[in-house]
Each structure stands twice: as structure tokens, then as C-alpha cells.
Amino acid sequence: MPISREFWTWAVATAVIAVLVVFVGPSIIGPESILGSKNVLTTAKMIPLPVDGPESLDWDPRGEGPYVGVTDGRILKWRGSDLGWVEFAYSSPHRFV
């Protein structure tokens, strides 16, 4: 039994669509490239932390920080190169969860 012309039409159309999705799809749904984005880590600055941790890292809504939670329950805030890390808050060992 010969393969029908309709089958070949669908097979070729499916193959063409698959090739288009592979080559064009990423440029349609992918994020835009950001100029210089690959060079960000070369300018990163190491901030020494005199404790074990950090266990967490966060900034406040005003963009201050970073704040880090460390293993002994303290929360430290980075105050810049001149002041370094300062104790911002601490977790009480007597708190109830």
C-alpha cells in the first residue's frame, strides 16, 4: 500500500515547523541580552565576614544592607568599608516559635 500524498504533506510540514522552532524559537521567547552583563562578576568585591555563615542574605526596601543572619543568631548589617559589619539585631534563645 503506497503512502498517500497527504501523509507526505503533513510529514514535511511537521519537519519544517520543528526546524523553525529549534532555530527561531529561542530568539522569540528568550530574554533580551544585556550589554556588559557577562562582566559583572569581575568587579565583585569580597566583604570579609568574621563569623560562620552567612545563613541568609537580604536587603531592606530602601536598598540598605546587605543584612546577614549568622549561625549564632545575630543579624549583621554592612555599613560600608569604613564601619564594616555592625550588629543590627539578634534572636533570643528564649523565644517561643
Protein backbone atom coordinates (compact mmCIF):
# COMPACT_ATOMS: atom_id res chain seq x y z
CA MET A 1 0.00 0.00 0.00
CA PRO A 2 1.64 3.26 -1.11
CA ILE A 3 1.97 6.18 1.29
CA SER A 4 -0.51 8.89 0.42
CA ARG A 5 0.41 12.36 -0.72
CA GLU A 6 -1.44 13.82 2.28
CA PHE A 7 0.85 11.92 4.67
CA TRP A 8 3.96 13.34 2.99
CA THR A 9 2.50 16.85 3.14
CA TRP A 10 1.90 16.53 6.90
CA ALA A 11 5.32 14.95 7.48
CA VAL A 12 7.17 17.72 5.62
CA ALA A 13 5.09 20.45 7.29
CA THR A 14 5.82 18.96 10.73
CA ALA A 15 9.55 18.73 9.97
CA VAL A 16 9.67 22.34 8.74
CA ILE A 17 7.85 23.58 11.86
CA ALA A 18 10.20 21.57 14.11
CA VAL A 19 13.26 23.08 12.42
CA LEU A 20 11.81 26.59 12.73
CA VAL A 21 11.06 26.08 16.43
CA VAL A 22 14.61 24.88 17.09
CA PHE A 23 16.31 27.77 15.28
CA VAL A 24 13.87 30.68 15.70
CA GLY A 25 12.09 29.75 18.94
CA PRO A 26 14.82 30.75 21.41
CA SER A 27 15.09 34.24 19.92
CA ILE A 28 11.34 34.74 20.20
CA ILE A 29 10.81 33.53 23.77
CA GLY A 30 14.29 34.06 25.22
CA PRO A 31 15.28 37.08 27.32
CA GLU A 32 16.97 40.06 25.74
CA SER A 33 20.72 40.15 26.07
CA ILE A 34 22.07 42.88 28.35
CA LEU A 35 25.24 44.61 27.22
CA GLY A 36 28.08 44.09 29.68
CA SER A 37 26.16 41.56 31.75
CA LYS A 38 28.93 38.98 31.45
CA ASN A 39 31.43 41.35 33.07
CA VAL A 40 29.58 41.95 36.36
CA LEU A 41 31.40 39.38 38.47
CA THR A 42 34.83 40.68 37.52
CA THR A 43 34.07 43.84 39.52
CA ALA A 44 32.65 41.99 42.55
CA LYS A 45 34.07 42.98 45.91
CA MET A 46 34.71 40.43 48.66
CA ILE A 47 33.32 41.56 52.02
CA PRO A 48 35.02 39.76 54.93
CA LEU A 49 32.59 38.26 57.44
CA PRO A 50 34.11 37.44 60.86
CA VAL A 51 31.64 34.62 61.65
CA ASP A 52 30.45 31.25 60.39
CA GLY A 53 27.78 31.74 57.80
CA PRO A 54 26.05 33.66 56.46
CA GLU A 55 22.91 31.58 56.66
CA SER A 56 20.81 34.19 54.87
CA LEU A 57 21.29 37.43 52.99
CA ASP A 58 18.81 40.27 52.38
CA TRP A 59 18.38 43.99 51.65
CA ASP A 60 15.67 46.21 53.09
CA PRO A 61 13.09 48.09 50.92
CA ARG A 62 15.28 51.21 50.96
CA GLY A 63 18.16 49.27 49.42
CA GLU A 64 20.29 49.36 52.56
CA GLY A 65 22.32 46.42 53.65
CA PRO A 66 23.11 43.71 52.98
CA TYR A 67 21.87 42.12 56.17
CA VAL A 68 23.11 38.63 57.04
CA GLY A 69 21.86 36.13 59.57
CA VAL A 70 24.72 34.14 61.10
CA THR A 71 24.84 30.85 62.98
CA ASP A 72 24.99 32.35 66.46
CA GLY A 73 21.60 34.07 65.97
CA ARG A 74 22.85 37.58 65.28
CA ILE A 75 21.78 39.71 62.32
CA LEU A 76 24.59 41.86 60.97
CA LYS A 77 24.34 44.87 58.66
CA TRP A 78 27.07 46.04 56.30
CA ARG A 79 27.73 49.75 56.95
CA GLY A 80 30.34 50.29 54.26
CA SER A 81 34.09 49.88 54.06
CA ASP A 82 34.77 52.30 56.94
CA LEU A 83 32.43 50.71 59.53
CA GLY A 84 32.24 47.14 58.24
CA TRP A 85 29.72 44.75 59.80
CA VAL A 86 27.70 46.02 62.77
CA GLU A 87 25.33 44.05 64.97
CA PHE A 88 21.83 45.00 63.85
CA ALA A 89 19.67 42.57 65.85
CA TYR A 90 19.78 39.17 67.49
CA SER A 91 17.48 36.20 68.01
CA SER A 92 16.60 35.48 71.62
CA PRO A 93 17.39 31.93 72.77
CA HIS A 94 14.25 32.14 74.96
CA ARG A 95 11.75 32.89 72.20
CA PHE A 96 8.82 30.56 71.52
CA VAL A 97 8.06 29.51 67.98
